[in-house]
Amino acid sequence: MSDEQLPLTEPESNALAKLREYMRHNRRPPTNVEGAQLIGCASPRAWAYHIEALERKGYVVRGEGHRNLSIVGVAGRLTLKVYGEVACGEPMPCDDGEPDEIDLEQLFDPDTITLLKARGESMIDAHIKPGDLVAVRKGQSAKNGDTVVARVGGDITLKKLVRRRSEGAYEEWLHPCNAKMKPFLLNPDNGDEILGVYAGVIRVPKKGCC
């Protein structure tokens, strides 16, 4: 809580939590009717009353227009424009049409995605290089063939999960994507576990790289 924010009542805290969740998923504030439904009230005025209280206590800011509402301390969503396609083979004509827009928060939901910096060369054949930022979706059930982050012997590692049937049961093996390295067995009896599933990679150019 900042110095300018006043304590909230329990209903006000609930309204703020519902507002955060709604705006995260819908990218706009709710109408008074929608807000009333979020807090289980029949009257839209009940939601408007909570918004007025949140503004007065320093948690939201309202601008001109009934849908111009922002939560204090919550940054706007990061979007980038996609200007058509670029040829990786023969050159192709430039697309002069209107650019598309991609919402990075939809790609990498901050509630479920963690970024880890890759170290080592065990995944270079999967185009994951040292220094890359690896996006990992926490808590997702891993399927055979998924690239996963696992805890092994107290350390964490990024590998491809391969399940093999052995003596009537399935074993889980972690395979590097590097022909020079060998796979190893995941052993739950030693506390080994899968922590999340690979969701993408961000390559940060090195300084001075052209």
Protein backbone atom coordinates (compact mmCIF):
# COMPACT_ATOMS: atom_id res chain seq x y z
CA MET A 1 0.00 0.00 0.00
CA SER A 2 1.37 3.45 -0.89
CA ASP A 3 1.36 6.38 1.53
CA GLU A 4 -1.63 7.88 -0.31
CA GLN A 5 -3.79 4.76 -0.15
CA LEU A 6 -6.25 4.30 2.69
CA PRO A 7 -7.28 0.93 4.16
CA LEU A 8 -10.11 -0.88 2.40
CA THR A 9 -13.14 -2.56 3.86
CA GLU A 10 -13.61 -6.24 3.06
CA PRO A 11 -16.27 -5.54 0.38
CA GLU A 12 -14.00 -2.91 -1.19
CA SER A 13 -11.05 -5.34 -1.22
CA ASN A 14 -13.26 -7.92 -2.89
CA ALA A 15 -14.39 -5.40 -5.50
CA LEU A 16 -10.77 -4.44 -6.23
CA ALA A 17 -9.79 -8.11 -6.64
CA LYS A 18 -12.73 -8.70 -9.01
CA LEU A 19 -11.79 -5.58 -10.97
CA ARG A 20 -8.18 -6.74 -11.36
CA GLU A 21 -9.24 -10.17 -12.55
CA TYR A 22 -11.81 -8.81 -14.99
CA MET A 23 -9.43 -6.28 -16.53
CA ARG A 24 -6.66 -8.86 -16.83
CA HIS A 25 -8.86 -11.16 -18.91
CA ASN A 26 -10.96 -8.61 -20.81
CA ARG A 27 -8.52 -5.72 -21.23
CA ARG A 28 -11.21 -3.20 -20.29
CA PRO A 29 -13.08 -2.22 -17.13
CA PRO A 30 -16.53 -3.71 -16.56
CA THR A 31 -19.73 -1.73 -16.91
CA ASN A 32 -21.63 -1.05 -13.71
CA VAL A 33 -24.00 -3.89 -14.60
CA GLU A 34 -21.10 -6.30 -15.19
CA GLY A 35 -19.38 -5.10 -12.02
CA ALA A 36 -22.48 -5.69 -9.95
CA GLN A 37 -22.62 -9.25 -11.28
CA LEU A 38 -18.97 -9.75 -10.30
CA ILE A 39 -19.69 -8.98 -6.65
CA GLY A 40 -23.07 -10.71 -6.59
CA CYS A 41 -25.24 -7.59 -6.34
CA ALA A 42 -28.41 -6.87 -8.28
CA SER A 43 -27.96 -3.10 -8.31
CA PRO A 44 -25.37 -1.51 -10.65
CA ARG A 45 -25.22 1.35 -8.18
CA ALA A 46 -23.51 -0.97 -5.67
CA TRP A 47 -20.58 -1.42 -8.04
CA ALA A 48 -20.42 2.31 -8.80
CA TYR A 49 -20.32 2.97 -5.05
CA HIS A 50 -17.31 0.64 -4.64
CA ILE A 51 -15.49 2.27 -7.57
CA GLU A 52 -16.05 5.70 -6.02
CA ALA A 53 -14.62 4.40 -2.74
CA LEU A 54 -11.60 2.84 -4.49
CA GLU A 55 -10.93 6.13 -6.28
CA ARG A 56 -11.30 8.15 -3.08
CA LYS A 57 -8.87 5.84 -1.26
CA GLY A 58 -6.27 5.95 -4.03
CA TYR A 59 -6.62 2.51 -5.67
CA VAL A 60 -8.11 3.46 -9.03
CA VAL A 61 -8.07 6.50 -11.29
CA ARG A 62 -10.96 7.52 -13.50
CA GLY A 63 -10.56 9.66 -16.60
CA GLU A 64 -13.07 11.17 -18.98
CA GLY A 65 -15.65 8.70 -20.19
CA HIS A 66 -17.46 6.00 -18.24
CA ARG A 67 -15.06 3.26 -19.40
CA ASN A 68 -11.82 5.16 -18.70
CA LEU A 69 -10.64 3.45 -15.53
CA SER A 70 -7.19 2.26 -14.47
CA ILE A 71 -5.83 0.54 -11.38
CA VAL A 72 -3.06 2.37 -9.56
CA GLY A 73 0.26 0.52 -9.82
CA VAL A 74 -0.85 -1.77 -12.65
CA ALA A 75 0.97 -1.07 -15.91
CA GLY A 76 -0.89 -1.06 -19.21
CA ARG A 77 -0.71 -4.16 -21.36
CA LEU A 78 2.28 -4.42 -23.68
CA THR A 79 1.33 -4.85 -27.31
CA LEU A 80 3.56 -4.86 -30.38
CA LYS A 81 2.63 -4.37 -34.02
CA VAL A 82 3.22 -7.16 -36.55
CA TYR A 83 3.96 -5.70 -39.98
CA GLY A 84 3.21 -8.67 -42.21
CA GLU A 85 5.72 -11.39 -43.07
CA VAL A 86 9.40 -11.42 -43.94
CA ALA A 87 10.99 -13.97 -46.27
CA CYS A 88 13.68 -16.23 -44.84
CA GLY A 89 14.34 -17.60 -48.32
CA GLU A 90 13.81 -15.71 -51.55
CA PRO A 91 12.87 -12.02 -51.08
CA MET A 92 9.13 -11.31 -51.24
CA PRO A 93 7.05 -8.16 -51.81
CA CYS A 94 6.56 -5.89 -48.81
CA ASP A 95 3.12 -5.98 -47.18
CA ASP A 96 1.87 -2.38 -46.96
CA GLY A 97 -1.41 -3.27 -45.28
CA GLU A 98 -2.51 -2.39 -41.78
CA PRO A 99 -0.32 -4.05 -39.13
CA ASP A 100 -1.71 -6.69 -36.80
CA GLU A 101 -1.24 -6.29 -33.08
CA ILE A 102 0.01 -8.97 -30.72
CA ASP A 103 -0.64 -8.87 -26.98
CA LEU A 104 2.44 -10.17 -25.17
CA GLU A 105 0.46 -10.71 -21.99
CA GLN A 106 -1.75 -13.20 -23.81
CA LEU A 107 1.34 -15.06 -25.02
CA PHE A 108 3.04 -15.00 -21.62
CA ASP A 109 0.38 -14.74 -18.91
CA PRO A 110 2.22 -13.37 -15.84
CA ASP A 111 -0.01 -15.43 -13.56
CA THR A 112 1.20 -18.73 -15.03
CA ILE A 113 4.47 -18.01 -16.86
CA THR A 114 7.95 -17.75 -15.35
CA LEU A 115 11.09 -16.72 -17.24
CA LEU A 116 14.38 -18.53 -16.68
CA LYS A 117 17.73 -17.74 -18.29
CA ALA A 118 19.19 -20.69 -20.19
CA ARG A 119 22.70 -21.80 -19.26
CA GLY A 120 24.73 -24.49 -21.00
CA GLU A 121 24.33 -26.13 -24.40
CA SER A 122 22.19 -29.19 -23.74
CA MET A 123 19.24 -27.76 -25.72
CA ILE A 124 21.01 -26.14 -28.68
CA ASP A 125 19.46 -28.56 -31.20
CA ALA A 126 16.06 -27.25 -30.03
CA HIS A 127 17.36 -23.74 -30.81
CA ILE A 128 17.64 -22.79 -27.14
CA LYS A 129 21.00 -21.15 -26.59
CA PRO A 130 22.90 -19.93 -23.52
CA GLY A 131 21.49 -16.59 -22.41
CA ASP A 132 18.05 -17.13 -23.94
CA LEU A 133 15.04 -16.40 -21.75
CA VAL A 134 12.94 -19.55 -21.48
CA ALA A 135 9.22 -19.14 -20.74
CA VAL A 136 7.87 -21.91 -18.49
CA ARG A 137 4.21 -22.54 -17.70
CA LYS A 138 4.06 -23.51 -14.03
CA GLY A 139 2.00 -26.44 -12.84
CA GLN A 140 0.92 -27.67 -16.28
CA SER A 141 0.74 -31.43 -16.71
CA ALA A 142 3.55 -32.58 -18.99
CA LYS A 143 2.91 -34.88 -21.94
CA ASN A 144 5.32 -37.31 -23.51
CA GLY A 145 7.60 -35.33 -25.81
CA ASP A 146 7.13 -32.00 -24.03
CA THR A 147 10.13 -29.89 -23.13
CA VAL A 148 10.01 -29.43 -19.37
CA VAL A 149 11.77 -27.82 -16.45
CA ALA A 150 12.53 -30.44 -13.81
CA ARG A 151 14.14 -30.49 -10.40
CA VAL A 152 16.83 -33.17 -10.29
CA GLY A 153 18.96 -33.69 -7.20
CA GLY A 154 18.16 -30.21 -5.95
CA ASP A 155 19.08 -28.52 -9.24
CA ILE A 156 16.75 -27.48 -12.06
CA THR A 157 17.22 -28.41 -15.71
CA LEU A 158 15.48 -27.95 -19.07
CA LYS A 159 15.10 -31.17 -21.06
CA LYS A 160 12.74 -33.10 -23.34
CA LEU A 161 10.49 -35.55 -21.47
CA VAL A 162 10.36 -39.10 -22.88
CA ARG A 163 8.23 -41.78 -21.21
CA ARG A 164 9.27 -45.41 -21.69
CA ARG A 165 7.50 -48.57 -20.62
CA SER A 166 9.72 -50.81 -18.50
CA GLU A 167 8.65 -53.95 -16.64
CA GLY A 168 4.97 -53.00 -16.66
CA ALA A 169 5.51 -49.41 -15.56
CA TYR A 170 6.49 -46.15 -17.21
CA GLU A 171 9.83 -44.50 -16.64
CA GLU A 172 10.38 -40.81 -17.28
CA TRP A 173 13.61 -39.86 -18.99
CA LEU A 174 15.01 -36.40 -19.54
CA HIS A 175 16.65 -36.08 -22.95
CA PRO A 176 19.00 -33.25 -23.89
CA CYS A 177 18.66 -31.81 -27.38
CA ASN A 178 22.36 -32.16 -28.05
CA ALA A 179 23.77 -35.30 -29.67
CA LYS A 180 26.90 -35.08 -27.53
CA MET A 181 24.96 -35.51 -24.27
CA LYS A 182 23.13 -38.49 -22.76
CA PRO A 183 19.63 -38.73 -21.26
CA PHE A 184 19.06 -39.55 -17.63
CA LEU A 185 16.24 -41.05 -15.59
CA LEU A 186 13.91 -38.91 -13.50
CA ASN A 187 13.72 -40.51 -10.04
CA PRO A 188 10.76 -39.37 -7.90
CA ASP A 189 12.10 -41.39 -4.96
CA ASN A 190 15.00 -38.94 -4.80
CA GLY A 191 12.71 -35.92 -4.92
CA ASP A 192 13.01 -35.40 -8.68
CA GLU A 193 9.94 -33.71 -10.15
CA ILE A 194 8.65 -31.80 -13.15
CA LEU A 195 8.07 -28.13 -12.30
CA GLY A 196 6.64 -26.76 -15.53
CA VAL A 197 6.32 -27.03 -19.29
CA TYR A 198 8.29 -25.01 -21.84
CA ALA A 199 6.11 -22.30 -23.42
CA GLY A 200 8.52 -20.35 -25.62
CA VAL A 201 11.85 -18.61 -25.84
CA ILE A 202 12.99 -14.99 -26.04
CA ARG A 203 16.40 -14.29 -27.52
CA VAL A 204 18.02 -11.13 -26.18
CA PRO A 205 20.69 -9.87 -28.61
CA LYS A 206 24.15 -9.42 -27.17
CA LYS A 207 25.49 -5.90 -27.03
CA GLY A 208 27.29 -5.03 -30.21
CA CYS A 209 25.62 -7.86 -32.13
CA CYS A 210 24.63 -6.86 -35.66
